[in-house]
């Protein structure tokens, strides 16, 4: 969708902002441009909509050389979101959102209907917010309007320059979550500029890490964190890149342990026998629909006589869906002070899949790093578990 071919931007004073840049962004891909101030990332983005003209090289949009397209017409084909939003203070939220459709000659009713649709999509009820003015909105709400306005004419490409940088950390995380949800629905081709490596990792399908006017590495987030291409990239992403990698490494079924399973209406004697047979200290408890109910400790089954599992089962709140990040898993363990968390398949009516322990989480992270280094799947990487090492040392 976007292709740079040997693009250079050199100013009259001799400063080279971007030097011989060549890369491609696929249709529907979200690429984050990250690096320190003055490295050329914003210049790169602004050359796509010709707010800045390159000195050398060519840029293509959907196969068309943008130098041959009228800049005004080009910009109306590209959504543009900036940090301070730039809403018109004298226009209502609905009018602001309908700006580009109006410029493109859409009928008033069609433009307003599209604006209302987009406001609803970004989580702003048009019946509540449509007639308000920008000064009546919070910073996060104004940023949402900016995104809605950029999408109003359904452009194939979206350029975002530090879009969440002007709000506090709590609002920023909410906006990032909302944008990821939105991107999953609309699948625009996005270039997003940020100086925050954590934001780049969280949002990007791929990350372009900038040095001074050039790209040092252009890879998926997990690769950038697990296998930095240069010492500069390693230093930029930080010594805690292993922790950052937790946020881009999903929980897979192969990461899970499979403890004994009993059901609510099983006789307690059955649960006791199953735990003893497997030498387990606890069992997962499922209901009649195979949904997770909780757990039961071996001590509970040993000391009781008669009855069913239902009377002794304990609720288990530490759970998450398969595919959630290892960072979410780790946070859930800490939140519930849990030695393990249950993993379920939300797409299959909450089917219980297994449990993730701290040792298995560590193994999953190590396998992920090893898989990237060898260009294989995580399942093909064999690592020695922490539990295995401890067992061998004890013997």
Protein backbone atom coordinates (compact mmCIF):
# COMPACT_ATOMS: atom_id res chain seq x y z
CA UNK A 1 0.00 0.00 0.00
CA UNK A 2 2.84 2.43 0.90
CA UNK A 3 6.29 2.06 -0.64
CA UNK A 4 9.40 4.20 -0.14
CA UNK A 5 12.15 3.89 -2.75
CA UNK A 6 15.50 5.49 -1.82
CA UNK A 7 13.85 8.54 -0.28
CA UNK A 8 16.04 11.34 1.09
CA UNK A 9 15.05 14.67 2.62
CA UNK A 10 17.81 17.25 2.78
CA UNK A 11 17.23 20.85 3.87
CA UNK A 12 18.93 23.97 2.49
CA UNK A 13 21.21 24.25 5.52
CA UNK A 14 22.64 20.82 4.69
CA UNK A 15 20.72 18.91 7.37
CA UNK A 16 19.67 15.44 6.22
CA UNK A 17 16.46 14.49 8.00
CA UNK A 18 15.93 11.20 6.15
CA UNK A 19 18.69 9.38 4.26
CA UNK A 20 18.06 6.84 1.47
CA UNK A 21 14.95 5.32 3.03
CA UNK A 22 13.40 2.21 1.43
CA UNK A 23 10.60 0.14 3.00
CA UNK A 24 7.06 -1.08 2.34
CA UNK A 25 3.87 -1.14 4.40
CA UNK A 26 1.36 -3.81 3.41
CA UNK A 27 -2.35 -3.14 3.04
CA UNK A 28 -4.09 -3.28 6.44
CA UNK A 29 -0.79 -3.23 8.34
CA UNK A 30 -0.12 -0.97 11.31
CA UNK A 31 3.51 0.15 11.36
CA UNK A 32 4.88 2.21 14.22
CA UNK A 33 7.80 4.57 13.60
CA UNK A 34 9.72 4.94 16.83
CA UNK A 35 12.88 6.78 17.80
CA UNK A 36 14.24 9.82 19.66
CA UNK A 37 13.32 13.39 18.78
CA UNK A 38 14.87 14.62 15.54
CA UNK A 39 15.50 11.15 14.07
CA UNK A 40 13.30 11.67 10.99
CA UNK A 41 10.19 9.66 11.84
CA UNK A 42 7.74 12.57 11.58
CA UNK A 43 9.43 13.77 8.41
CA UNK A 44 8.93 10.30 6.95
CA UNK A 45 5.24 10.34 7.76
CA UNK A 46 4.65 13.88 6.45
CA UNK A 47 6.23 13.00 3.13
CA UNK A 48 3.43 10.47 2.56
CA UNK A 49 0.77 13.23 2.36
CA UNK A 50 3.22 15.75 0.86
CA UNK A 51 3.25 18.12 3.80
CA UNK A 52 6.99 17.73 3.24
CA UNK A 53 8.42 17.05 -0.21
CA UNK A 54 11.34 14.60 -0.56
CA UNK A 55 14.63 15.77 -2.03
CA UNK A 56 15.31 12.46 -3.75
CA UNK A 57 13.51 9.15 -4.31
CA UNK A 58 9.88 8.22 -4.83
CA UNK A 59 6.92 7.33 -2.63
CA UNK A 60 4.05 5.19 -3.89
CA UNK A 61 0.52 4.94 -2.53
CA UNK A 62 -1.39 1.90 -3.76
CA UNK A 63 0.93 1.77 -6.77
CA UNK A 64 0.62 5.48 -7.66
CA UNK A 65 3.62 7.83 -7.49
CA UNK A 66 2.35 10.51 -5.10
CA UNK A 67 4.46 13.22 -6.80
CA UNK A 68 2.03 12.99 -9.74
CA UNK A 69 -1.06 13.50 -7.53
CA UNK A 70 -2.42 16.94 -6.63
CA UNK A 71 -1.48 17.43 -2.93
CA UNK A 72 -4.98 18.55 -1.93
CA UNK A 73 -6.61 15.55 -3.60
CA UNK A 74 -3.97 13.28 -2.09
CA UNK A 75 -4.61 14.53 1.46
CA UNK A 76 -8.32 13.92 1.12
CA UNK A 77 -7.50 10.27 0.43
CA UNK A 78 -5.43 9.99 3.63
CA UNK A 79 -6.65 10.24 7.22
CA UNK A 80 -4.42 12.38 9.44
CA UNK A 81 -4.43 12.42 13.26
CA UNK A 82 -2.11 14.68 15.25
CA UNK A 83 -1.34 14.99 18.95
CA UNK A 84 -3.32 18.18 19.56
CA UNK A 85 -6.18 16.96 17.34
CA UNK A 86 -6.77 20.35 15.63
CA UNK A 87 -10.56 20.43 15.88
CA UNK A 88 -12.37 23.57 14.73
CA UNK A 89 -13.53 25.27 17.97
CA UNK A 90 -16.55 26.96 16.35
CA UNK A 91 -17.95 23.70 14.93
CA UNK A 92 -19.81 20.99 16.78
CA UNK A 93 -18.36 17.51 17.21
CA UNK A 94 -20.62 16.18 14.44
CA UNK A 95 -19.63 19.03 12.09
CA UNK A 96 -15.95 18.50 12.85
CA UNK A 97 -16.24 14.80 12.09
CA UNK A 98 -18.01 15.48 8.77
CA UNK A 99 -15.34 17.96 7.59
CA UNK A 100 -13.67 15.81 4.92
CA UNK A 101 -16.91 14.34 3.49
CA UNK A 102 -18.14 17.94 3.16
CA UNK A 103 -14.95 18.97 1.32
CA UNK A 104 -15.37 15.99 -0.99
CA UNK A 105 -18.83 17.21 -1.96
CA UNK A 106 -20.94 14.66 -0.08
CA UNK A 107 -24.56 15.65 0.50
CA UNK A 108 -25.09 17.12 3.95
CA UNK A 109 -27.31 14.27 5.16
CA UNK A 110 -24.90 11.58 3.98
CA UNK A 111 -21.92 13.33 5.59
CA UNK A 112 -23.68 13.75 8.92
CA UNK A 113 -24.86 10.15 8.88
CA UNK A 114 -21.30 8.97 8.26
CA UNK A 115 -20.02 11.24 11.04
CA UNK A 116 -22.60 9.84 13.48
CA UNK A 117 -21.61 6.29 12.51
CA UNK A 118 -17.93 7.01 13.16
CA UNK A 119 -18.58 8.75 16.48
CA UNK A 120 -20.47 5.68 17.63
CA UNK A 121 -17.61 3.48 16.42
CA UNK A 122 -15.07 5.35 18.57
CA UNK A 123 -17.31 5.13 21.61
CA UNK A 124 -18.97 8.58 21.55
CA UNK A 125 -22.76 8.46 21.37
CA UNK A 126 -23.65 11.02 18.65
CA UNK A 127 -26.95 11.81 20.38
CA UNK A 128 -24.96 12.84 23.46
CA UNK A 129 -21.77 14.32 22.00
CA UNK A 130 -22.74 15.33 18.44
CA UNK A 131 -23.97 18.85 19.32
CA UNK A 132 -21.19 19.62 21.80
CA UNK A 133 -18.22 21.83 20.99
CA UNK A 134 -14.56 20.74 21.41
CA UNK A 135 -14.10 22.82 24.57
CA UNK A 136 -16.85 20.77 26.23
CA UNK A 137 -14.90 17.52 25.78
CA UNK A 138 -12.06 15.94 27.75
CA UNK A 139 -8.67 15.46 26.11
CA UNK A 140 -9.36 11.79 25.51
CA UNK A 141 -12.75 12.53 23.96
CA UNK A 142 -11.25 15.14 21.64
CA UNK A 143 -8.65 12.59 20.54
CA UNK A 144 -11.45 10.13 19.71
CA UNK A 145 -13.16 12.80 17.61
CA UNK A 146 -9.87 13.35 15.79
CA UNK A 147 -9.70 9.64 14.92
CA UNK A 148 -13.35 9.64 13.81
CA UNK A 149 -12.76 12.68 11.59
CA UNK A 150 -9.72 11.03 10.00
CA UNK A 151 -11.80 7.95 9.16
CA UNK A 152 -14.95 9.76 8.00
CA UNK A 153 -14.28 9.56 4.24
CA UNK A 154 -13.11 5.93 4.59
CA UNK A 155 -9.49 6.59 3.51
CA UNK A 156 -7.29 3.58 2.79
CA UNK A 157 -4.36 5.08 4.72
CA UNK A 158 -4.20 6.64 8.17
CA UNK A 159 -1.26 8.75 9.37
CA UNK A 160 -0.99 9.30 13.13
CA UNK A 161 1.57 11.64 14.68
CA UNK A 162 1.94 11.03 18.45
CA UNK A 163 -1.87 10.62 18.61
CA UNK A 164 -2.03 9.69 22.30
CA UNK A 165 0.88 11.73 23.61
CA UNK A 166 -1.13 14.65 25.00
CA UNK A 167 -3.21 12.69 27.53
CA UNK A 168 -2.40 11.16 30.90
CA UNK A 169 -1.16 7.54 31.12
CA UNK A 170 -4.50 6.06 32.21
CA UNK A 171 -6.42 7.73 29.36
CA UNK A 172 -3.62 6.85 26.94
CA UNK A 173 -3.96 3.15 27.72
CA UNK A 174 -7.72 3.31 27.23
CA UNK A 175 -7.29 5.10 23.90
CA UNK A 176 -4.74 2.55 22.77
CA UNK A 177 -7.13 -0.28 23.65
CA UNK A 178 -9.96 1.48 21.82
CA UNK A 179 -7.80 2.06 18.77
CA UNK A 180 -6.71 -1.59 18.63
CA UNK A 181 -10.36 -2.61 18.79
CA UNK A 182 -11.18 -0.13 16.04
CA UNK A 183 -8.28 -1.24 13.84
CA UNK A 184 -9.43 -4.85 14.15
CA UNK A 185 -12.74 -3.73 12.60
CA UNK A 186 -11.65 -1.28 9.90
CA UNK A 187 -8.15 -2.66 9.02
CA UNK A 188 -6.64 0.56 7.69
CA UNK A 189 -3.04 0.86 6.54
CA UNK A 190 -1.51 2.91 9.36
CA UNK A 191 1.75 4.75 9.93
CA UNK A 192 1.94 5.80 13.58
CA UNK A 193 4.75 7.98 14.92
CA UNK A 194 5.72 7.66 18.58
CA UNK A 195 8.76 8.14 20.78
CA UNK A 196 7.46 5.55 23.27
CA UNK A 197 8.83 2.05 22.65
CA UNK A 198 6.11 0.48 24.82
CA UNK A 199 3.41 2.13 22.70
CA UNK A 200 5.20 1.03 19.53
CA UNK A 201 5.38 -2.55 20.78
CA UNK A 202 1.78 -2.61 21.92
CA UNK A 203 0.23 -1.18 18.74
CA UNK A 204 2.46 -2.12 15.84
CA UNK A 205 2.27 -5.15 13.56
CA UNK A 206 5.83 -4.11 12.72
CA UNK A 207 8.15 -1.51 14.21
CA UNK A 208 10.58 0.75 12.35
CA UNK A 209 13.27 1.73 14.87
CA UNK A 210 14.96 4.93 13.70
CA UNK A 211 18.54 5.93 14.25
CA UNK A 212 19.56 9.28 12.79
CA UNK A 213 17.62 9.62 9.56
CA UNK A 214 17.61 5.91 8.80
CA UNK A 215 15.87 2.73 9.97
CA UNK A 216 18.04 0.52 12.17
CA UNK A 217 15.53 -2.34 12.32
CA UNK A 218 12.14 -3.05 10.72
CA UNK A 219 10.55 -6.14 12.25
CA UNK A 220 7.60 -7.42 14.29
CA UNK A 221 7.67 -6.27 17.94
CA UNK A 222 8.67 -9.68 19.30
CA UNK A 223 11.72 -9.77 17.00
CA UNK A 224 12.80 -6.24 17.88
CA UNK A 225 12.61 -7.10 21.58
CA UNK A 226 14.01 -10.62 21.34
CA UNK A 227 16.69 -10.11 18.69
CA UNK A 228 17.76 -6.46 18.39
CA UNK A 229 19.56 -6.00 15.07
CA UNK A 230 22.21 -3.58 16.37
CA UNK A 231 23.63 -2.39 19.70
CA UNK A 232 21.78 0.88 19.09
CA UNK A 233 18.41 -0.93 18.91
CA UNK A 234 19.25 -3.00 22.00
CA UNK A 235 20.06 0.18 23.91
CA UNK A 236 16.95 1.99 22.63
CA UNK A 237 14.47 -0.75 23.55
CA UNK A 238 16.08 -1.01 26.98
CA UNK A 239 17.59 -3.62 29.26
CA UNK A 240 14.06 -4.62 30.31
CA UNK A 241 13.14 -5.70 26.79
CA UNK A 242 12.43 -9.18 28.14
CA UNK A 243 9.64 -7.72 30.28
CA UNK A 244 8.35 -5.69 27.33
CA UNK A 245 8.29 -8.87 25.27
CA UNK A 246 5.71 -10.31 27.67
CA UNK A 247 3.16 -7.89 26.19
CA UNK A 248 3.58 -9.24 22.63
CA UNK A 249 3.85 -12.96 23.44
CA UNK A 250 0.46 -14.72 23.53
CA UNK A 251 -0.50 -17.62 25.75
CA UNK A 252 -0.76 -20.78 23.60
CA UNK A 253 -2.26 -24.16 24.41
CA UNK A 254 1.20 -25.71 24.32
CA UNK A 255 2.21 -23.52 27.27
CA UNK A 256 -0.31 -25.09 29.64
CA UNK A 257 -0.20 -27.73 32.36
CA UNK A 258 -3.08 -30.18 32.70
CA UNK A 259 -3.93 -30.92 36.34
CA UNK A 260 -6.62 -33.43 37.39
CA UNK A 261 -10.15 -32.38 36.50
CA UNK A 262 -13.30 -33.19 38.49
CA UNK A 263 -16.91 -32.05 38.18
CA UNK A 264 -19.24 -30.38 40.63
CA UNK A 265 -21.50 -33.39 40.98
CA UNK A 266 -18.74 -35.98 41.27
CA UNK A 267 -18.71 -37.91 44.57
CA UNK A 268 -15.98 -36.62 46.84
CA UNK A 269 -14.49 -40.12 47.01
CA UNK A 270 -13.96 -40.00 43.21
CA UNK A 271 -12.10 -36.70 43.48
CA UNK A 272 -9.93 -38.06 46.31
CA UNK A 273 -9.00 -41.15 44.29
CA UNK A 274 -8.15 -39.11 41.23
CA UNK A 275 -5.91 -36.73 43.16
CA UNK A 276 -4.09 -39.59 44.90
CA UNK A 277 -3.62 -41.50 41.63
CA UNK A 278 -1.91 -38.51 40.04
CA UNK A 279 -0.07 -37.36 43.15
CA UNK A 280 -1.66 -33.92 42.78
CA UNK A 281 -2.28 -31.37 45.49
CA UNK A 282 -5.38 -29.88 43.85
CA UNK A 283 -7.83 -30.40 41.00
CA UNK A 284 -9.70 -28.08 38.66
CA UNK A 285 -13.47 -28.16 39.08
CA UNK A 286 -15.78 -27.88 36.05
CA UNK A 287 -19.56 -27.63 35.90
CA UNK A 288 -21.91 -29.77 33.84
CA UNK A 289 -21.23 -27.71 30.70
CA UNK A 290 -17.46 -28.15 31.07
CA UNK A 291 -17.08 -24.53 32.15
CA UNK A 292 -14.57 -23.56 34.78
CA UNK A 293 -16.04 -23.35 38.26
CA UNK A 294 -12.96 -23.35 40.48
CA UNK A 295 -10.66 -25.76 42.26
CA UNK A 296 -10.49 -28.14 45.18
CA UNK A 297 -7.39 -28.87 47.32
CA UNK A 298 -6.35 -32.41 48.18
CA UNK A 299 -6.55 -31.63 51.89
CA UNK A 300 -10.23 -30.79 51.49
CA UNK A 301 -11.03 -34.15 49.89
CA UNK A 302 -8.93 -36.17 52.36
CA UNK A 303 -10.55 -34.73 55.48
CA UNK A 304 -14.18 -34.90 54.33
CA UNK A 305 -16.43 -37.93 54.12
CA UNK A 306 -19.32 -38.36 51.71
CA UNK A 307 -21.00 -35.66 49.69
CA UNK A 308 -20.00 -34.20 46.35
CA UNK A 309 -17.29 -31.91 45.03
CA UNK A 310 -19.85 -29.08 44.87
CA UNK A 311 -19.94 -28.80 48.65
CA UNK A 312 -16.19 -28.27 48.92
CA UNK A 313 -15.16 -26.55 45.65
CA UNK A 314 -13.62 -23.09 45.82
CA UNK A 315 -14.23 -20.36 43.27
CA UNK A 316 -11.33 -19.47 40.94
CA UNK A 317 -11.22 -15.88 39.71
CA UNK A 318 -7.69 -16.00 38.26
CA UNK A 319 -8.47 -16.85 34.64
CA UNK A 320 -7.90 -15.45 31.16
CA UNK A 321 -8.55 -16.44 27.53
CA UNK A 322 -6.03 -18.30 25.38
CA UNK A 323 -4.26 -15.77 23.18
CA UNK A 324 -4.00 -13.17 25.93
CA UNK A 325 -0.50 -11.84 26.43
CA UNK A 326 1.98 -13.24 28.93
CA UNK A 327 1.98 -9.75 30.46
CA UNK A 328 -1.76 -10.07 31.14
CA UNK A 329 -1.16 -13.52 32.57
CA UNK A 330 1.59 -12.28 34.88
CA UNK A 331 -0.55 -9.32 36.00
CA UNK A 332 -3.46 -11.69 36.74
CA UNK A 333 -1.20 -13.88 38.88
CA UNK A 334 -0.07 -10.86 40.87
CA UNK A 335 -3.57 -9.39 41.18
CA UNK A 336 -5.01 -12.59 42.63
CA UNK A 337 -1.83 -13.72 44.42
CA UNK A 338 -2.25 -16.99 42.50
CA UNK A 339 0.26 -19.77 41.90
CA UNK A 340 -1.57 -20.67 38.70
CA UNK A 341 -4.27 -19.25 36.45
CA UNK A 342 -6.91 -21.06 34.42
CA UNK A 343 -6.90 -20.57 30.65
CA UNK A 344 -10.14 -20.87 28.69
CA UNK A 345 -11.20 -20.76 25.05
CA UNK A 346 -13.71 -17.91 24.82
CA UNK A 347 -14.51 -18.75 21.19
CA UNK A 348 -15.73 -22.20 22.24
CA UNK A 349 -18.19 -21.14 24.96
CA UNK A 350 -15.54 -20.91 27.64
CA UNK A 351 -14.06 -24.40 27.33
CA UNK A 352 -11.35 -25.04 29.94
CA UNK A 353 -7.95 -25.66 28.29
CA UNK A 354 -5.43 -25.96 31.13
CA UNK A 355 -3.51 -23.85 33.62
CA UNK A 356 -0.53 -21.54 33.34
CA UNK A 357 2.01 -21.54 36.16
CA UNK A 358 4.93 -19.13 36.73
CA UNK A 359 7.37 -21.82 35.54
CA UNK A 360 5.37 -22.43 32.36
CA UNK A 361 5.10 -18.69 31.75
CA UNK A 362 8.88 -18.45 31.92
CA UNK A 363 9.23 -21.36 29.51
CA UNK A 364 6.79 -19.74 27.08
CA UNK A 365 8.86 -16.56 27.03
CA UNK A 366 12.08 -18.50 26.47
CA UNK A 367 10.52 -20.55 23.68
CA UNK A 368 9.28 -17.38 22.03
CA UNK A 369 12.78 -15.89 22.00
CA UNK A 370 14.24 -19.15 20.72
CA UNK A 371 11.60 -19.45 17.99
CA UNK A 372 12.41 -16.01 16.64
CA UNK A 373 16.11 -16.72 16.67
CA UNK A 374 15.67 -19.95 14.68
CA UNK A 375 12.64 -18.88 12.61
CA UNK A 376 10.53 -21.83 13.78
CA UNK A 377 7.30 -22.20 15.74
CA UNK A 378 7.36 -22.05 19.54
CA UNK A 379 6.26 -25.69 19.71
CA UNK A 380 9.51 -26.71 17.98
CA UNK A 381 11.72 -25.08 20.62
CA UNK A 382 12.76 -27.34 23.48
CA UNK A 383 13.74 -25.58 26.70
CA UNK A 384 14.52 -27.06 30.08
CA UNK A 385 11.84 -26.04 32.55
CA UNK A 386 12.53 -24.31 35.82
CA UNK A 387 10.65 -27.12 37.54
CA UNK A 388 12.86 -29.71 35.82
CA UNK A 389 16.03 -27.97 36.86
CA UNK A 390 14.82 -27.72 40.46
CA UNK A 391 13.88 -31.40 40.48
CA UNK A 392 17.26 -32.47 39.14
CA UNK A 393 19.13 -30.32 41.67
CA UNK A 394 17.05 -31.74 44.50
CA UNK A 395 17.93 -35.26 43.50
